[in-house]
C-alpha atoms as a PDB file:
ATOM      1  CA  MET A   1     141.599  27.397 151.927  1.00  0.00           C
ATOM      2  CA  SER A   2     142.477  24.873 149.277  1.00  0.00           C
ATOM      3  CA  PRO A   3     146.026  23.548 148.857  1.00  0.00           C
ATOM      4  CA  SER A   4     146.510  25.581 145.657  1.00  0.00           C
ATOM      5  CA  GLU A   5     145.454  28.820 147.437  1.00  0.00           C
ATOM      6  CA  THR A   6     147.852  28.039 150.286  1.00  0.00           C
ATOM      7  CA  SER A   7     150.646  27.457 147.796  1.00  0.00           C
ATOM      8  CA  ALA A   8     149.855  30.719 146.001  1.00  0.00           C
ATOM      9  CA  CYS A   9     149.882  32.580 149.313  1.00  0.00           C
ATOM     10  CA  GLU A  10     153.254  31.082 150.229  1.00  0.00           C
ATOM     11  CA  ASP A  11     154.620  32.003 146.799  1.00  0.00           C
ATOM     12  CA  LEU A  12     153.471  35.604 147.207  1.00  0.00           C
ATOM     13  CA  LYS A  13     155.024  35.790 150.670  1.00  0.00           C
ATOM     14  CA  ALA A  14     158.301  34.348 149.353  1.00  0.00           C
ATOM     15  CA  PHE A  15     158.276  36.842 146.457  1.00  0.00           C
ATOM     16  CA  GLU A  16     157.611  39.717 148.866  1.00  0.00           C
ATOM     17  CA  ARG A  17     160.435  38.614 151.193  1.00  0.00           C
ATOM     18  CA  ARG A  18     162.878  38.395 148.289  1.00  0.00           C
ATOM     19  CA  LEU A  19     161.800  41.760 146.874  1.00  0.00           C
ATOM     20  CA  THR A  20     162.184  43.522 150.226  1.00  0.00           C
ATOM     21  CA  GLU A  21     165.562  41.831 150.684  1.00  0.00           C
ATOM     22  CA  VAL A  22     166.823  43.023 147.289  1.00  0.00           C
ATOM     23  CA  ILE A  23     165.646  46.593 147.874  1.00  0.00           C
ATOM     24  CA  ALA A  24     167.106  46.655 151.401  1.00  0.00           C
ATOM     25  CA  CYS A  25     170.466  45.421 150.090  1.00  0.00           C
ATOM     26  CA  LEU A  26     170.536  48.229 147.520  1.00  0.00           C
ATOM     27  CA  GLN A  27     169.983  51.015 150.065  1.00  0.00           C
ATOM     28  CA  PRO A  28     173.527  51.303 151.571  1.00  0.00           C
ATOM     29  CA  PRO A  29     175.350  51.411 148.211  1.00  0.00           C
ATOM     30  CA  THR A  30     172.749  53.833 146.867  1.00  0.00           C
ATOM     31  CA  ARG A  31     173.353  56.153 149.836  1.00  0.00           C
ATOM     32  CA  ARG A  32     177.107  56.060 149.211  1.00  0.00           C
ATOM     33  CA  TRP A  33     176.671  56.814 145.487  1.00  0.00           C
ATOM     34  CA  ARG A  34     174.328  59.709 146.326  1.00  0.00           C
ATOM     35  CA  LEU A  35     176.860  61.090 148.813  1.00  0.00           C
ATOM     36  CA  LEU A  36     179.689  60.805 146.277  1.00  0.00           C
ATOM     37  CA  LEU A  37     177.598  62.484 143.577  1.00  0.00           C
ATOM     38  CA  GLY A  38     176.500  65.245 145.946  1.00  0.00           C
ATOM     39  CA  LEU A  39     180.021  66.006 147.166  1.00  0.00           C
ATOM     40  CA  THR A  40     181.463  65.971 143.659  1.00  0.00           C
ATOM     41  CA  SER A  41     178.678  68.258 142.421  1.00  0.00           C
ATOM     42  CA  LEU A  42     179.238  70.638 145.347  1.00  0.00           C
ATOM     43  CA  VAL A  43     183.000  70.822 144.758  1.00  0.00           C
ATOM     44  CA  THR A  44     182.395  71.356 141.037  1.00  0.00           C
ATOM     45  CA  PHE A  45     179.857  74.106 141.749  1.00  0.00           C
ATOM     46  CA  VAL A  46     182.141  75.930 144.184  1.00  0.00           C
ATOM     47  CA  GLY A  47     185.099  75.530 141.807  1.00  0.00           C
ATOM     48  CA  ALA A  48     183.011  76.901 138.928  1.00  0.00           C
ATOM     49  CA  PHE A  49     182.018  79.882 141.046  1.00  0.00           C
ATOM     50  CA  TYR A  50     185.657  80.753 141.799  1.00  0.00           C
ATOM     51  CA  TRP A  51     186.671  80.111 138.214  1.00  0.00           C
ATOM     52  CA  LEU A  52     183.964  82.371 136.793  1.00  0.00           C
ATOM     53  CA  THR A  53     184.505  85.176 139.324  1.00  0.00           C
ATOM     54  CA  ASP A  54     188.261  85.256 138.767  1.00  0.00           C
ATOM     55  CA  PRO A  55     189.082  88.457 136.825  1.00  0.00           C
ATOM     56  CA  ARG A  56     191.961  86.707 135.038  1.00  0.00           C
ATOM     57  CA  THR A  57     189.629  84.101 133.482  1.00  0.00           C
ATOM     58  CA  SER A  58     188.632  86.348 130.586  1.00  0.00           C
ATOM     59  CA  ILE A  59     192.198  87.464 129.923  1.00  0.00           C
ATOM     60  CA  VAL A  60     194.261  84.254 129.933  1.00  0.00           C
ATOM     61  CA  PRO A  61     193.775  81.369 127.488  1.00  0.00           C
ATOM     62  CA  LEU A  62     191.266  78.683 128.481  1.00  0.00           C
ATOM     63  CA  VAL A  63     193.885  76.017 129.187  1.00  0.00           C
ATOM     64  CA  ASP A  64     195.848  78.355 131.450  1.00  0.00           C
ATOM     65  CA  SER A  65     192.663  79.394 133.218  1.00  0.00           C
ATOM     66  CA  LEU A  66     191.695  75.756 133.830  1.00  0.00           C
ATOM     67  CA  LEU A  67     195.198  74.963 135.084  1.00  0.00           C
ATOM     68  CA  ASN A  68     194.984  77.919 137.497  1.00  0.00           C
ATOM     69  CA  HIS A  69     191.722  76.469 138.864  1.00  0.00           C
ATOM     70  CA  TRP A  70     192.785  72.828 139.077  1.00  0.00           C
ATOM     71  CA  ILE A  71     190.188  71.881 141.711  1.00  0.00           C
ATOM     72  CA  PHE A  72     187.394  72.845 139.317  1.00  0.00           C
ATOM     73  CA  THR A  73     189.104  71.052 136.431  1.00  0.00           C
ATOM     74  CA  ILE A  74     189.676  67.808 138.354  1.00  0.00           C
ATOM     75  CA  SER A  75     186.187  67.780 139.888  1.00  0.00           C
ATOM     76  CA  THR A  76     184.576  68.415 136.491  1.00  0.00           C
ATOM     77  CA  VAL A  77     186.532  65.588 134.877  1.00  0.00           C
ATOM     78  CA  PHE A  78     185.665  63.303 137.815  1.00  0.00           C
ATOM     79  CA  LEU A  79     181.981  64.234 137.545  1.00  0.00           C
ATOM     80  CA  LEU A  80     181.982  63.486 133.815  1.00  0.00           C
ATOM     81  CA  VAL A  81     183.655  60.106 134.431  1.00  0.00           C
ATOM     82  CA  LEU A  82     181.036  59.278 137.087  1.00  0.00           C
ATOM     83  CA  PHE A  83     178.209  60.004 134.655  1.00  0.00           C
ATOM     84  CA  MET A  84     179.877  58.025 131.877  1.00  0.00           C
ATOM     85  CA  CYS A  85     180.173  55.077 134.279  1.00  0.00           C
ATOM     86  CA  GLY A  86     176.436  55.251 135.050  1.00  0.00           C
ATOM     87  CA  ILE A  87     176.203  56.899 138.473  1.00  0.00           C
ATOM     88  CA  HIS A  88     172.843  58.372 137.453  1.00  0.00           C
ATOM     89  CA  LYS A  89     171.452  54.810 137.363  1.00  0.00           C
ATOM     90  CA  LEU A  90     173.163  53.714 140.595  1.00  0.00           C
ATOM     91  CA  VAL A  91     171.694  56.661 142.483  1.00  0.00           C
ATOM     92  CA  ILE A  92     168.119  55.597 141.677  1.00  0.00           C
ATOM     93  CA  ALA A  93     168.545  51.801 141.488  1.00  0.00           C
ATOM     94  CA  PRO A  94     165.871  50.959 144.130  1.00  0.00           C
ATOM     95  CA  GLN A  95     163.340  53.218 142.389  1.00  0.00           C
ATOM     96  CA  ILE A  96     164.069  51.545 139.048  1.00  0.00           C
ATOM     97  CA  ILE A  97     163.434  48.099 140.537  1.00  0.00           C
ATOM     98  CA  THR A  98     160.215  49.144 142.293  1.00  0.00           C
ATOM     99  CA  SER A  99     158.828  50.904 139.218  1.00  0.00           C
ATOM    100  CA  ARG A 100     159.505  47.886 137.008  1.00  0.00           C
ATOM    101  CA  THR A 101     157.999  45.572 139.615  1.00  0.00           C
ATOM    102  CA  ARG A 102     154.892  47.769 139.833  1.00  0.00           C
ATOM    103  CA  LYS A 103     154.530  47.632 136.067  1.00  0.00           C
ATOM    104  CA  VAL A 104     154.592  43.818 136.081  1.00  0.00           C
ATOM    105  CA  LEU A 105     152.371  43.506 139.163  1.00  0.00           C
ATOM    106  CA  SER A 106     149.722  45.820 137.684  1.00  0.00           C
ATOM    107  CA  ASP A 107     148.693  42.970 135.374  1.00  0.00           C
ATOM    108  CA  TYR A 108     147.730  41.028 138.509  1.00  0.00           C
ATOM    109  CA  ASN A 109     145.919  43.948 140.172  1.00  0.00           C
ATOM    110  CA  MET A 110     148.789  44.365 142.632  1.00  0.00           C
ATOM    111  CA  SER A 111     151.485  46.883 143.407  1.00  0.00           C
ATOM    112  CA  CYS A 112     154.323  47.397 145.877  1.00  0.00           C
ATOM    113  CA  ASP A 113     155.580  50.217 148.060  1.00  0.00           C
ATOM    114  CA  GLU A 114     159.100  51.687 148.135  1.00  0.00           C
ATOM    115  CA  THR A 115     160.331  48.982 150.539  1.00  0.00           C
ATOM    116  CA  GLY A 116     159.041  46.100 148.412  1.00  0.00           C
ATOM    117  CA  LYS A 117     155.946  45.198 150.441  1.00  0.00           C
ATOM    118  CA  LEU A 118     153.181  43.922 148.189  1.00  0.00           C
ATOM    119  CA  ILE A 119     149.889  45.804 147.937  1.00  0.00           C
ATOM    120  CA  VAL A 120     146.965  43.714 146.769  1.00  0.00           C
ATOM    121  CA  GLY A 121     144.279  45.667 144.945  1.00  0.00           C
ATOM    122  CA  PRO A 122     140.560  45.108 145.316  1.00  0.00           C
ATOM    123  CA  ARG A 123     138.983  42.292 143.379  1.00  0.00           C
ATOM    124  CA  PRO A 124     137.785  43.538 140.016  1.00  0.00           C
ATOM    125  CA  THR A 125     134.058  43.533 139.492  1.00  0.00           C
ATOM    126  CA  ASN A 126     132.893  42.011 136.260  1.00  0.00           C
ATOM    127  CA  ASN A 127     129.842  44.122 135.387  1.00  0.00           C
ATOM    128  CA  ARG A 128     129.608  43.056 131.776  1.00  0.00           C
ATOM    129  CA  TYR A 129     127.686  39.859 132.721  1.00  0.00           C
ATOM    130  CA  MET A 130     125.344  41.767 135.029  1.00  0.00           C
ATOM    131  CA  ASP A 131     124.086  44.131 132.283  1.00  0.00           C
ATOM    132  CA  MET A 132     122.399  41.439 130.190  1.00  0.00           C
ATOM    133  CA  SER A 133     118.841  42.329 131.245  1.00  0.00           C
END
């Protein structure tokens, strides 16, 4: 192996280590954001069920109905605030990074898995020079 090939190999290994480190660091916060989003969605769903099945909902004005079902109202507002703050991006942050990395690495006939490990593709065959008979 020539010195330039050794250097390229070390660079790839360093890139892979850094990529796996970044993805691993994103996993705990991503889990917490997913849990928060799931719980808020569940509370909102249950609150909506009770709000819609309440016989008084169709009789009283909307504001009074929402004040009677304050858990639904608060959870809905909280869910809207979460989406306005970008929770939908925080929940899938590792997937965003890996998909963008795959897009860049495809130019070099490489890819990566969900943990950030590099996958080197087969060497491309250049058949256009072989067909000159």
